[in-house]
C-alpha cells in the first residue's frame, strides 16, 4: 500500500517547518522507545538513530536557508508486509 503524505510547493519557512515537525515526530517516537526499554543494545541503536535524524535535519535546514527559495516536497509512505 502506498500513501501520498506530501506533494506540493512550499516557501522556505514552510519547508523548514514541515521537515522540522516530521523529524520531531520520528525523534519523539525513538525517545519514547528509549524511555520504555531495558535492553541496552536497543537503547544504543535508537540513540544513534536520533543523532542521525538530528544531523539530517540540521543539514536540510542549512541547505534550505542557503537556497532561500520555494521548494517542492514529495513524500510517499510504502506499507509493506
C-alpha atoms as a PDB file:
ATOM      1  CA  UNK A   1       0.000   0.000   0.000  1.00  0.00           C
ATOM      2  CA  UNK A   2       1.288   3.452  -0.908  1.00  0.00           C
ATOM      3  CA  UNK A   3       0.245   6.642   0.890  1.00  0.00           C
ATOM      4  CA  UNK A   4       0.984  10.108  -0.513  1.00  0.00           C
ATOM      5  CA  UNK A   5       1.903  12.168   2.543  1.00  0.00           C
ATOM      6  CA  UNK A   6       3.247  15.374   0.980  1.00  0.00           C
ATOM      7  CA  UNK A   7       3.143  16.705  -2.567  1.00  0.00           C
ATOM      8  CA  UNK A   8       3.338  20.426  -3.071  1.00  0.00           C
ATOM      9  CA  UNK A   9       5.282  23.669  -3.317  1.00  0.00           C
ATOM     10  CA  UNK A  10       6.270  25.450  -0.124  1.00  0.00           C
ATOM     11  CA  UNK A  11       8.129  28.600   0.874  1.00  0.00           C
ATOM     12  CA  UNK A  12      11.476  28.371   2.650  1.00  0.00           C
ATOM     13  CA  UNK A  13       9.794  28.883   6.022  1.00  0.00           C
ATOM     14  CA  UNK A  14       7.050  26.354   5.331  1.00  0.00           C
ATOM     15  CA  UNK A  15       9.573  23.795   4.077  1.00  0.00           C
ATOM     16  CA  UNK A  16      11.650  24.113   7.240  1.00  0.00           C
ATOM     17  CA  UNK A  17       8.515  23.950   9.402  1.00  0.00           C
ATOM     18  CA  UNK A  18       7.171  20.813   7.696  1.00  0.00           C
ATOM     19  CA  UNK A  19      10.506  18.988   7.821  1.00  0.00           C
ATOM     20  CA  UNK A  20      11.112  20.012  11.436  1.00  0.00           C
ATOM     21  CA  UNK A  21       7.727  18.713  12.526  1.00  0.00           C
ATOM     22  CA  UNK A  22       8.148  15.436  10.615  1.00  0.00           C
ATOM     23  CA  UNK A  23      11.606  14.819  12.044  1.00  0.00           C
ATOM     24  CA  UNK A  24      10.454  15.696  15.568  1.00  0.00           C
ATOM     25  CA  UNK A  25       7.679  13.101  15.380  1.00  0.00           C
ATOM     26  CA  UNK A  26      10.211  10.417  14.474  1.00  0.00           C
ATOM     27  CA  UNK A  27      12.688  11.602  17.127  1.00  0.00           C
ATOM     28  CA  UNK A  28       9.976  11.586  19.807  1.00  0.00           C
ATOM     29  CA  UNK A  29       8.995   8.052  18.734  1.00  0.00           C
ATOM     30  CA  UNK A  30      12.544   6.823  19.366  1.00  0.00           C
ATOM     31  CA  UNK A  31      12.872   8.794  22.612  1.00  0.00           C
ATOM     32  CA  UNK A  32       9.717   7.147  23.939  1.00  0.00           C
ATOM     33  CA  UNK A  33      11.060   3.704  22.988  1.00  0.00           C
ATOM     34  CA  UNK A  34      14.334   4.500  24.808  1.00  0.00           C
ATOM     35  CA  UNK A  35      12.431   5.534  27.952  1.00  0.00           C
ATOM     36  CA  UNK A  36      10.492   2.270  27.953  1.00  0.00           C
ATOM     37  CA  UNK A  37      13.356  -0.072  27.068  1.00  0.00           C
ATOM     38  CA  UNK A  38      15.587  -2.068  29.361  1.00  0.00           C
ATOM     39  CA  UNK A  39      17.626  -3.519  26.511  1.00  0.00           C
ATOM     40  CA  UNK A  40      20.917  -1.613  26.329  1.00  0.00           C
ATOM     41  CA  UNK A  41      21.560  -2.666  22.730  1.00  0.00           C
ATOM     42  CA  UNK A  42      18.145  -1.357  21.653  1.00  0.00           C
ATOM     43  CA  UNK A  43      18.715   1.904  23.529  1.00  0.00           C
ATOM     44  CA  UNK A  44      22.087   2.480  21.845  1.00  0.00           C
ATOM     45  CA  UNK A  45      20.619   1.734  18.402  1.00  0.00           C
ATOM     46  CA  UNK A  46      17.783   4.208  18.955  1.00  0.00           C
ATOM     47  CA  UNK A  47      20.162   6.858  20.294  1.00  0.00           C
ATOM     48  CA  UNK A  48      22.225   6.511  17.099  1.00  0.00           C
ATOM     49  CA  UNK A  49      19.050   6.896  15.033  1.00  0.00           C
ATOM     50  CA  UNK A  50      18.079  10.025  16.987  1.00  0.00           C
ATOM     51  CA  UNK A  51      21.512  11.580  16.404  1.00  0.00           C
ATOM     52  CA  UNK A  52      21.333  10.772  12.690  1.00  0.00           C
ATOM     53  CA  UNK A  53      17.845  12.277  12.413  1.00  0.00           C
ATOM     54  CA  UNK A  54      19.035  15.434  14.179  1.00  0.00           C
ATOM     55  CA  UNK A  55      22.076  15.661  11.892  1.00  0.00           C
ATOM     56  CA  UNK A  56      19.971  15.166   8.768  1.00  0.00           C
ATOM     57  CA  UNK A  57      17.503  17.824   9.884  1.00  0.00           C
ATOM     58  CA  UNK A  58      20.307  20.294  10.621  1.00  0.00           C
ATOM     59  CA  UNK A  59      21.821  19.677   7.179  1.00  0.00           C
ATOM     60  CA  UNK A  60      18.449  20.073   5.468  1.00  0.00           C
ATOM     61  CA  UNK A  61      17.731  23.330   7.311  1.00  0.00           C
ATOM     62  CA  UNK A  62      21.142  24.745   6.351  1.00  0.00           C
ATOM     63  CA  UNK A  63      20.619  23.807   2.684  1.00  0.00           C
ATOM     64  CA  UNK A  64      17.113  25.275   2.579  1.00  0.00           C
ATOM     65  CA  UNK A  65      18.194  28.525   4.245  1.00  0.00           C
ATOM     66  CA  UNK A  66      21.164  28.819   1.888  1.00  0.00           C
ATOM     67  CA  UNK A  67      18.990  28.359  -1.211  1.00  0.00           C
ATOM     68  CA  UNK A  68      16.204  30.607   0.173  1.00  0.00           C
ATOM     69  CA  UNK A  69      13.587  29.821  -2.463  1.00  0.00           C
ATOM     70  CA  UNK A  70      10.388  27.821  -2.827  1.00  0.00           C
ATOM     71  CA  UNK A  71      10.737  24.051  -2.715  1.00  0.00           C
ATOM     72  CA  UNK A  72       8.652  21.156  -3.963  1.00  0.00           C
ATOM     73  CA  UNK A  73       8.320  18.428  -1.361  1.00  0.00           C
ATOM     74  CA  UNK A  74       7.158  14.899  -2.067  1.00  0.00           C
ATOM     75  CA  UNK A  75       6.816  12.155   0.482  1.00  0.00           C
ATOM     76  CA  UNK A  76       5.348   8.725  -0.017  1.00  0.00           C
ATOM     77  CA  UNK A  77       4.957   6.069   2.668  1.00  0.00           C
ATOM     78  CA  UNK A  78       5.026   2.484   1.480  1.00  0.00           C
ATOM     79  CA  UNK A  79       3.390  -0.041   3.791  1.00  0.00           C
ATOM     80  CA  UNK A  80       4.908  -3.434   3.109  1.00  0.00           C
ATOM     81  CA  UNK A  81       4.449  -6.800   4.709  1.00  0.00           C
END
